Protein backbone atom coordinates (compact mmCIF):
# COMPACT_ATOMS: atom_id res chain seq x y z
CA UNK A 1 -13.75 -7.01 -93.75
CA UNK A 2 -10.92 -8.99 -95.49
CA UNK A 3 -11.75 -12.49 -96.79
CA UNK A 4 -7.48 -13.46 -95.76
CA UNK A 5 -5.96 -15.13 -93.11
CA UNK A 6 -2.21 -15.37 -91.89
CA UNK A 7 0.09 -17.72 -90.87
CA UNK A 8 2.61 -17.50 -88.05
CA UNK A 9 5.32 -19.44 -87.64
CA UNK A 10 8.64 -19.78 -85.08
CA UNK A 11 11.80 -18.89 -87.48
CA UNK A 12 14.37 -21.49 -86.52
CA UNK A 13 17.90 -21.02 -87.76
CA UNK A 14 17.98 -17.04 -87.68
CA UNK A 15 17.65 -14.83 -84.69
CA UNK A 16 16.48 -11.54 -86.28
CA UNK A 17 14.59 -10.42 -89.42
CA UNK A 18 17.99 -9.16 -90.95
CA UNK A 19 19.57 -12.59 -90.65
CA UNK A 20 15.71 -14.10 -92.11
CA UNK A 21 16.63 -11.36 -94.80
CA UNK A 22 20.47 -12.92 -95.54
CA UNK A 23 19.34 -16.40 -95.64
CA UNK A 24 16.82 -16.30 -98.04
CA UNK A 25 18.59 -13.79 -100.47
CA UNK A 26 21.73 -16.31 -100.75
CA UNK A 27 18.86 -19.49 -100.58
CA UNK A 28 16.99 -17.50 -103.35
CA UNK A 29 19.77 -17.61 -106.06
CA UNK A 30 19.15 -21.44 -106.30
CA UNK A 31 15.81 -20.78 -107.06
CA UNK A 32 14.86 -20.58 -110.85
CA UNK A 33 12.29 -17.89 -109.87
CA UNK A 34 14.31 -16.26 -107.18
CA UNK A 35 11.45 -15.90 -104.78
CA UNK A 36 11.84 -17.06 -101.25
CA UNK A 37 9.99 -19.98 -99.94
CA UNK A 38 9.27 -22.07 -96.85
CA UNK A 39 8.87 -25.60 -97.28
CA UNK A 40 6.20 -27.24 -94.83
CA UNK A 41 5.51 -31.21 -94.48
CA UNK A 42 1.39 -29.78 -94.48
CA UNK A 43 -0.70 -27.93 -96.84
CA UNK A 44 -3.07 -24.97 -95.14
CA UNK A 45 -6.78 -26.08 -94.72
CA UNK A 46 -7.45 -22.49 -95.67
CA UNK A 47 -5.27 -21.88 -98.51
CA UNK A 48 -7.33 -19.98 -100.90
CA UNK A 49 -8.14 -17.13 -97.95
CA UNK A 50 -3.83 -17.68 -97.03
CA UNK A 51 -3.55 -16.65 -100.97
CA UNK A 52 -5.81 -13.68 -100.83
CA UNK A 53 -3.40 -11.39 -98.84
CA UNK A 54 -2.30 -13.37 -96.46
CA UNK A 55 1.21 -12.97 -94.92
CA UNK A 56 3.40 -14.93 -93.22
CA UNK A 57 4.53 -14.00 -89.76
CA UNK A 58 8.01 -14.76 -88.05
CA UNK A 59 8.76 -15.23 -84.39
CA UNK A 60 12.14 -15.11 -83.68
CA UNK A 61 13.24 -15.67 -79.85
CA UNK A 62 9.49 -15.71 -78.20
CA UNK A 63 8.44 -12.23 -80.56
CA UNK A 64 6.70 -11.54 -83.72
CA UNK A 65 9.13 -9.23 -85.61
CA UNK A 66 8.17 -9.52 -89.18
CA UNK A 67 5.92 -10.81 -91.75
CA UNK A 68 6.70 -11.66 -95.51
CA UNK A 69 3.35 -11.42 -97.86
CA UNK A 70 2.11 -14.75 -99.05
CA UNK A 71 2.21 -14.82 -102.95
CA UNK A 72 0.77 -18.19 -104.10
CA UNK A 73 1.31 -22.23 -102.80
CA UNK A 74 3.49 -24.48 -104.79
CA UNK A 75 3.77 -28.60 -104.45
CA UNK A 76 7.64 -29.43 -103.55
CA UNK A 77 8.33 -33.28 -103.76
CA UNK A 78 11.27 -33.64 -101.87
CA UNK A 79 14.18 -36.32 -102.51
CA UNK A 80 12.00 -39.36 -100.02
CA UNK A 81 9.38 -38.84 -103.21
CA UNK A 82 7.17 -37.08 -100.55
CA UNK A 83 5.01 -34.18 -101.76
CA UNK A 84 5.03 -30.51 -99.48
CA UNK A 85 3.38 -27.23 -99.74
CA UNK A 86 6.06 -24.62 -100.68
CA UNK A 87 4.78 -21.33 -99.47
CA UNK A 88 5.98 -18.83 -101.83
CA UNK A 89 6.97 -15.37 -100.63
CA UNK A 90 7.62 -12.18 -101.27
CA UNK A 91 10.97 -11.07 -100.82
CA UNK A 92 10.23 -7.96 -98.83
CA UNK A 93 10.58 -8.94 -95.04
CA UNK A 94 8.34 -6.28 -93.44
CA UNK A 95 8.95 -5.33 -89.53
CA UNK A 96 6.09 -5.55 -87.36
CA UNK A 97 5.20 -4.14 -84.10
CA UNK A 98 6.46 -6.74 -81.57
CA UNK A 99 4.28 -8.97 -80.18
CA UNK A 100 5.27 -11.63 -77.97
CA UNK A 101 4.41 -15.37 -78.98
CA UNK A 102 5.00 -18.70 -76.52
CA UNK A 103 6.75 -21.73 -78.44
CA UNK A 104 4.70 -24.20 -80.63
CA UNK A 105 5.12 -26.10 -83.25
CA UNK A 106 4.40 -26.12 -86.81
CA UNK A 107 2.79 -22.86 -88.08
CA UNK A 108 -0.67 -21.17 -86.66
CA UNK A 109 -3.72 -19.71 -88.30
CA UNK A 110 -3.47 -15.92 -87.19
CA UNK A 111 -6.42 -13.14 -88.06
CA UNK A 112 -5.71 -10.22 -89.32
CA UNK A 113 -7.85 -8.56 -86.21
CA UNK A 114 -4.77 -10.85 -84.27
CA UNK A 115 -1.93 -9.82 -86.26
CA UNK A 116 0.88 -7.04 -85.13
CA UNK A 117 0.55 -4.02 -87.27
CA UNK A 118 3.41 -3.01 -89.52
CA UNK A 119 6.39 -0.67 -87.93
CA UNK A 120 5.58 2.69 -88.36
CA UNK A 121 8.20 4.31 -91.20
CA UNK A 122 9.70 6.61 -88.45
CA UNK A 123 10.20 3.11 -86.21
CA UNK A 124 11.43 0.92 -89.35
CA UNK A 125 14.48 3.80 -89.86
CA UNK A 126 15.75 3.46 -85.85
CA UNK A 127 18.50 0.49 -85.23
CA UNK A 128 16.23 -2.56 -83.97
CA UNK A 129 16.20 -3.52 -80.52
CA UNK A 130 18.22 -6.78 -79.80
CA UNK A 131 15.75 -9.58 -80.18
CA UNK A 132 16.04 -10.43 -76.28
CA UNK A 133 15.26 -6.77 -75.38
CA UNK A 134 12.11 -6.97 -77.82
CA UNK A 135 11.23 -10.35 -75.70
CA UNK A 136 11.73 -8.78 -72.13
CA UNK A 137 10.00 -5.58 -72.98
CA UNK A 138 7.25 -7.36 -74.95
CA UNK A 139 6.67 -10.03 -71.77
CA UNK A 140 5.91 -7.48 -69.53
CA UNK A 141 3.45 -5.43 -71.90
CA UNK A 142 5.74 -2.09 -72.61
CA UNK A 143 5.88 -3.29 -76.66
């Protein structure tokens, strides 16, 4: 049994894991440690479990398709003076088996048992299906 927990979050502003990778690569150039991060208002109450091997799972158009390992949590003070949580991520975006997820706000905890498995090496080398097709297939239980 592992002592970690994951987060799951809607990926807003990008439509595919490749779009997310391009966005993060561009943004990382502006950061001192060049590690991607997602800044959120709330600090995870289960922070210790999250940084103990957890990942942030990304949902694109209703389907979870990728994850990134959480490296650490940093305090980030915005221009408004409010302290937020910077979830610092491993730059590697790992594709997962598609898993449908209904819309939600913010992030949610995701246990390792409920998390989608990583795609096999063979599946990773194949061209990905369009997000809309992934969503439709996952919705009817084919994926």
